[in-house]
Amino acid sequence: MAEKKATTTKKAAAPKATEKKAAAPKKAAVKKVEVVINAESVGFRAGDVYNALAAAGKALTVAQIAKDAKITAEEVYLGIGWLMKEGKVKAEDNGIALA
């Protein structure tokens, strides 16, 4: 008697479920601003601070001056130092105002 060979049927390979990896949140690029410290640069920043205060006509915080003058807070501090030494600005109610 002839033996029957066991036939196996191949099943179609089930598609593998691909897991999507959660995208890692992108880190905000941090800008490194290099502040040049020399008499000319600090003098220009003092002018920027003075013009921002003159345009506002009132006491401003460092952040407000930086925003209005479009310079960094560090540059605002340099300008304020220059202007305070010359007696052109004064501290007033948590802000800086023209003297």
N, C-alpha and C. Protein backbone atom coordinates (compact mmCIF):
# COMPACT_ATOMS: atom_id res chain seq x y z
N MET A 1 0.80 -1.14 0.00
CA MET A 1 0.00 0.00 0.00
C MET A 1 0.87 1.23 0.00
N ALA A 2 0.46 2.15 -0.76
CA ALA A 2 1.26 3.37 -0.87
C ALA A 2 0.90 4.31 0.27
N GLU A 3 1.93 4.80 0.83
CA GLU A 3 1.69 5.72 1.94
C GLU A 3 1.41 7.11 1.39
N LYS A 4 0.51 7.73 2.05
CA LYS A 4 0.19 9.10 1.64
C LYS A 4 1.15 10.03 2.34
N LYS A 5 1.66 10.91 1.57
CA LYS A 5 2.52 11.92 2.17
C LYS A 5 1.63 13.02 2.73
N ALA A 6 2.00 13.43 3.87
CA ALA A 6 1.23 14.53 4.47
C ALA A 6 1.58 15.80 3.72
N THR A 7 0.58 16.41 3.22
CA THR A 7 0.81 17.65 2.49
C THR A 7 0.50 18.82 3.42
N THR A 8 1.37 19.68 3.41
CA THR A 8 1.15 20.88 4.23
C THR A 8 0.87 22.03 3.30
N THR A 9 -0.08 22.74 3.64
CA THR A 9 -0.38 23.93 2.83
C THR A 9 0.27 25.12 3.49
N LYS A 10 0.87 25.87 2.68
CA LYS A 10 1.53 27.07 3.20
C LYS A 10 0.50 28.18 3.29
N LYS A 11 0.44 28.73 4.44
CA LYS A 11 -0.45 29.87 4.62
C LYS A 11 0.29 31.12 4.19
N ALA A 12 -0.46 32.02 3.66
CA ALA A 12 0.17 33.29 3.28
C ALA A 12 0.68 33.95 4.55
N ALA A 13 1.86 34.41 4.47
CA ALA A 13 2.46 35.04 5.64
C ALA A 13 1.62 36.25 6.04
N ALA A 14 1.23 36.26 7.27
CA ALA A 14 0.42 37.38 7.76
C ALA A 14 1.30 38.63 7.80
N PRO A 15 0.76 39.73 7.33
CA PRO A 15 1.58 40.94 7.36
C PRO A 15 1.91 41.30 8.81
N LYS A 16 3.15 41.62 8.99
CA LYS A 16 3.60 41.97 10.33
C LYS A 16 3.07 43.36 10.67
N ALA A 17 2.59 43.43 11.86
CA ALA A 17 2.10 44.73 12.32
C ALA A 17 3.32 45.58 12.66
N THR A 18 3.45 46.66 11.97
CA THR A 18 4.58 47.53 12.24
C THR A 18 4.17 48.56 13.27
N GLU A 19 4.95 48.62 14.28
CA GLU A 19 4.66 49.59 15.33
C GLU A 19 5.33 50.90 14.96
N LYS A 20 4.55 51.94 15.03
CA LYS A 20 5.13 53.25 14.75
C LYS A 20 5.75 53.77 16.03
N LYS A 21 6.95 54.18 15.90
CA LYS A 21 7.62 54.75 17.06
C LYS A 21 7.14 56.19 17.22
N ALA A 22 6.89 56.52 18.44
CA ALA A 22 6.47 57.90 18.71
C ALA A 22 7.64 58.82 18.42
N ALA A 23 7.37 59.84 17.67
CA ALA A 23 8.43 60.78 17.33
C ALA A 23 8.86 61.52 18.59
N ALA A 24 10.14 61.54 18.78
CA ALA A 24 10.68 62.25 19.93
C ALA A 24 10.41 63.74 19.75
N PRO A 25 9.99 64.40 20.81
CA PRO A 25 9.74 65.83 20.66
C PRO A 25 11.03 66.56 20.31
N LYS A 26 10.91 67.48 19.38
CA LYS A 26 12.10 68.21 18.95
C LYS A 26 12.46 69.25 19.99
N LYS A 27 13.71 69.33 20.25
CA LYS A 27 14.18 70.33 21.20
C LYS A 27 14.32 71.65 20.47
N ALA A 28 13.92 72.68 21.13
CA ALA A 28 14.04 74.01 20.54
C ALA A 28 15.52 74.36 20.43
N ALA A 29 15.88 74.86 19.29
CA ALA A 29 17.27 75.24 19.08
C ALA A 29 17.58 76.46 19.94
N VAL A 30 18.64 76.37 20.67
CA VAL A 30 19.03 77.46 21.54
C VAL A 30 20.04 78.32 20.79
N LYS A 31 19.70 79.57 20.67
CA LYS A 31 20.61 80.48 20.00
C LYS A 31 21.66 80.95 20.99
N LYS A 32 22.88 80.81 20.58
CA LYS A 32 23.95 81.35 21.40
C LYS A 32 24.30 82.72 20.83
N VAL A 33 24.12 83.72 21.66
CA VAL A 33 24.39 85.07 21.23
C VAL A 33 25.70 85.49 21.85
N GLU A 34 26.59 85.92 21.03
CA GLU A 34 27.87 86.38 21.51
C GLU A 34 27.81 87.90 21.61
N VAL A 35 28.00 88.40 22.82
CA VAL A 35 27.96 89.83 23.05
C VAL A 35 29.39 90.36 22.98
N VAL A 36 29.61 91.27 22.06
CA VAL A 36 30.92 91.88 21.90
C VAL A 36 31.03 93.02 22.91
N ILE A 37 32.06 92.97 23.71
CA ILE A 37 32.22 94.00 24.73
C ILE A 37 33.45 94.84 24.38
N ASN A 38 33.17 95.98 23.80
CA ASN A 38 34.19 97.00 23.60
C ASN A 38 33.48 98.34 23.68
N ALA A 39 34.23 99.41 23.76
CA ALA A 39 33.63 100.74 23.97
C ALA A 39 32.62 101.09 22.88
N GLU A 40 32.93 100.76 21.65
CA GLU A 40 32.04 101.11 20.55
C GLU A 40 30.72 100.35 20.65
N SER A 41 30.80 99.04 20.87
CA SER A 41 29.60 98.21 20.94
C SER A 41 28.72 98.61 22.13
N VAL A 42 29.33 98.80 23.27
CA VAL A 42 28.57 99.18 24.47
C VAL A 42 27.94 100.56 24.27
N GLY A 43 28.65 101.45 23.62
CA GLY A 43 28.10 102.78 23.33
C GLY A 43 26.88 102.71 22.43
N PHE A 44 26.93 101.84 21.43
CA PHE A 44 25.76 101.68 20.55
C PHE A 44 24.58 101.08 21.32
N ARG A 45 24.85 100.12 22.21
CA ARG A 45 23.76 99.54 23.01
C ARG A 45 23.18 100.59 23.95
N ALA A 46 24.02 101.47 24.49
CA ALA A 46 23.53 102.56 25.33
C ALA A 46 22.60 103.46 24.53
N GLY A 47 22.95 103.71 23.28
CA GLY A 47 22.09 104.51 22.41
C GLY A 47 20.76 103.83 22.14
N ASP A 48 20.80 102.51 21.95
CA ASP A 48 19.57 101.75 21.74
C ASP A 48 18.66 101.83 22.96
N VAL A 49 19.25 101.68 24.14
CA VAL A 49 18.48 101.74 25.39
C VAL A 49 17.90 103.14 25.57
N TYR A 50 18.73 104.16 25.35
CA TYR A 50 18.27 105.54 25.52
C TYR A 50 17.11 105.84 24.57
N ASN A 51 17.22 105.44 23.32
CA ASN A 51 16.16 105.69 22.34
C ASN A 51 14.87 104.96 22.70
N ALA A 52 14.98 103.73 23.21
CA ALA A 52 13.79 102.99 23.62
C ALA A 52 13.10 103.68 24.79
N LEU A 53 13.88 104.16 25.75
CA LEU A 53 13.30 104.86 26.90
C LEU A 53 12.69 106.20 26.49
N ALA A 54 13.35 106.91 25.60
CA ALA A 54 12.85 108.20 25.13
C ALA A 54 11.54 108.02 24.36
N ALA A 55 11.45 106.98 23.55
CA ALA A 55 10.24 106.73 22.78
C ALA A 55 9.07 106.35 23.69
N ALA A 56 9.36 105.60 24.75
CA ALA A 56 8.30 105.15 25.66
C ALA A 56 7.83 106.30 26.55
N GLY A 57 8.75 107.14 26.97
CA GLY A 57 8.40 108.26 27.84
C GLY A 57 8.05 107.86 29.26
N LYS A 58 8.35 106.64 29.64
CA LYS A 58 8.08 106.17 31.00
C LYS A 58 9.12 105.12 31.37
N ALA A 59 9.09 104.67 32.62
CA ALA A 59 10.02 103.64 33.08
C ALA A 59 9.68 102.30 32.42
N LEU A 60 10.69 101.58 31.99
CA LEU A 60 10.52 100.27 31.37
C LEU A 60 11.37 99.24 32.10
N THR A 61 10.93 97.99 32.03
CA THR A 61 11.74 96.91 32.58
C THR A 61 12.81 96.53 31.55
N VAL A 62 13.76 95.73 31.99
CA VAL A 62 14.82 95.29 31.09
C VAL A 62 14.22 94.50 29.92
N ALA A 63 13.25 93.66 30.19
CA ALA A 63 12.62 92.86 29.12
C ALA A 63 11.91 93.76 28.12
N GLN A 64 11.24 94.80 28.60
CA GLN A 64 10.55 95.72 27.70
C GLN A 64 11.54 96.50 26.85
N ILE A 65 12.62 96.92 27.46
CA ILE A 65 13.66 97.65 26.71
C ILE A 65 14.25 96.75 25.64
N ALA A 66 14.55 95.50 26.01
CA ALA A 66 15.14 94.55 25.06
C ALA A 66 14.20 94.32 23.88
N LYS A 67 12.91 94.19 24.16
CA LYS A 67 11.93 93.97 23.09
C LYS A 67 11.82 95.19 22.20
N ASP A 68 11.71 96.37 22.81
CA ASP A 68 11.56 97.61 22.03
C ASP A 68 12.80 97.93 21.19
N ALA A 69 13.98 97.69 21.78
CA ALA A 69 15.23 98.02 21.11
C ALA A 69 15.72 96.88 20.22
N LYS A 70 15.09 95.70 20.32
CA LYS A 70 15.47 94.51 19.55
C LYS A 70 16.92 94.10 19.81
N ILE A 71 17.25 94.07 21.10
CA ILE A 71 18.57 93.61 21.54
C ILE A 71 18.36 92.63 22.68
N THR A 72 19.42 91.93 23.08
CA THR A 72 19.32 90.96 24.17
C THR A 72 19.32 91.66 25.52
N ALA A 73 18.91 90.92 26.54
CA ALA A 73 18.89 91.47 27.90
C ALA A 73 20.31 91.82 28.35
N GLU A 74 21.28 91.00 27.95
CA GLU A 74 22.67 91.27 28.32
C GLU A 74 23.13 92.60 27.74
N GLU A 75 22.74 92.86 26.51
CA GLU A 75 23.11 94.12 25.87
C GLU A 75 22.39 95.30 26.53
N VAL A 76 21.17 95.07 27.01
CA VAL A 76 20.45 96.12 27.73
C VAL A 76 21.21 96.47 29.00
N TYR A 77 21.67 95.46 29.72
CA TYR A 77 22.42 95.72 30.95
C TYR A 77 23.69 96.51 30.67
N LEU A 78 24.37 96.19 29.59
CA LEU A 78 25.57 96.95 29.23
C LEU A 78 25.22 98.41 28.97
N GLY A 79 24.15 98.64 28.22
CA GLY A 79 23.72 100.00 27.91
C GLY A 79 23.29 100.76 29.15
N ILE A 80 22.57 100.08 30.04
CA ILE A 80 22.13 100.73 31.28
C ILE A 80 23.33 101.12 32.13
N GLY A 81 24.31 100.23 32.20
CA GLY A 81 25.52 100.55 32.97
C GLY A 81 26.20 101.80 32.45
N TRP A 82 26.32 101.89 31.15
CA TRP A 82 26.94 103.06 30.51
C TRP A 82 26.15 104.33 30.84
N LEU A 83 24.82 104.24 30.66
CA LEU A 83 23.98 105.42 30.89
C LEU A 83 23.90 105.81 32.36
N MET A 84 23.94 104.84 33.26
CA MET A 84 23.94 105.17 34.70
C MET A 84 25.22 105.86 35.10
N LYS A 85 26.32 105.41 34.54
CA LYS A 85 27.61 106.05 34.83
C LYS A 85 27.59 107.51 34.39
N GLU A 86 26.92 107.79 33.29
CA GLU A 86 26.82 109.16 32.78
C GLU A 86 25.71 109.95 33.45
N GLY A 87 24.88 109.29 34.27
CA GLY A 87 23.80 109.96 34.97
C GLY A 87 22.59 110.24 34.09
N LYS A 88 22.40 109.49 33.02
CA LYS A 88 21.31 109.75 32.10
C LYS A 88 20.08 108.89 32.39
N VAL A 89 20.22 107.82 33.16
CA VAL A 89 19.08 107.00 33.54
C VAL A 89 19.10 106.77 35.04
N LYS A 90 17.93 106.38 35.57
CA LYS A 90 17.82 106.08 37.00
C LYS A 90 16.88 104.91 37.17
N ALA A 91 17.05 104.22 38.30
CA ALA A 91 16.15 103.11 38.64
C ALA A 91 14.88 103.71 39.22
N GLU A 92 13.73 103.21 38.75
CA GLU A 92 12.46 103.77 39.20
C GLU A 92 11.37 102.71 39.14
N ASP A 93 10.75 102.38 40.27
CA ASP A 93 9.62 101.45 40.34
C ASP A 93 9.87 100.16 39.54
N ASN A 94 10.90 99.43 39.90
CA ASN A 94 11.23 98.16 39.24
C ASN A 94 11.47 98.33 37.74
N GLY A 95 11.95 99.45 37.34
CA GLY A 95 12.24 99.70 35.94
C GLY A 95 13.34 100.73 35.80
N ILE A 96 13.62 101.10 34.60
CA ILE A 96 14.64 102.10 34.30
C ILE A 96 13.95 103.24 33.57
N ALA A 97 14.27 104.47 34.00
CA ALA A 97 13.69 105.65 33.37
C ALA A 97 14.78 106.66 33.07
N LEU A 98 14.51 107.56 32.17
CA LEU A 98 15.46 108.63 31.89
C LEU A 98 15.55 109.54 33.11
N ALA A 99 16.74 110.01 33.39
CA ALA A 99 16.95 110.88 34.56
C ALA A 99 16.52 112.30 34.26
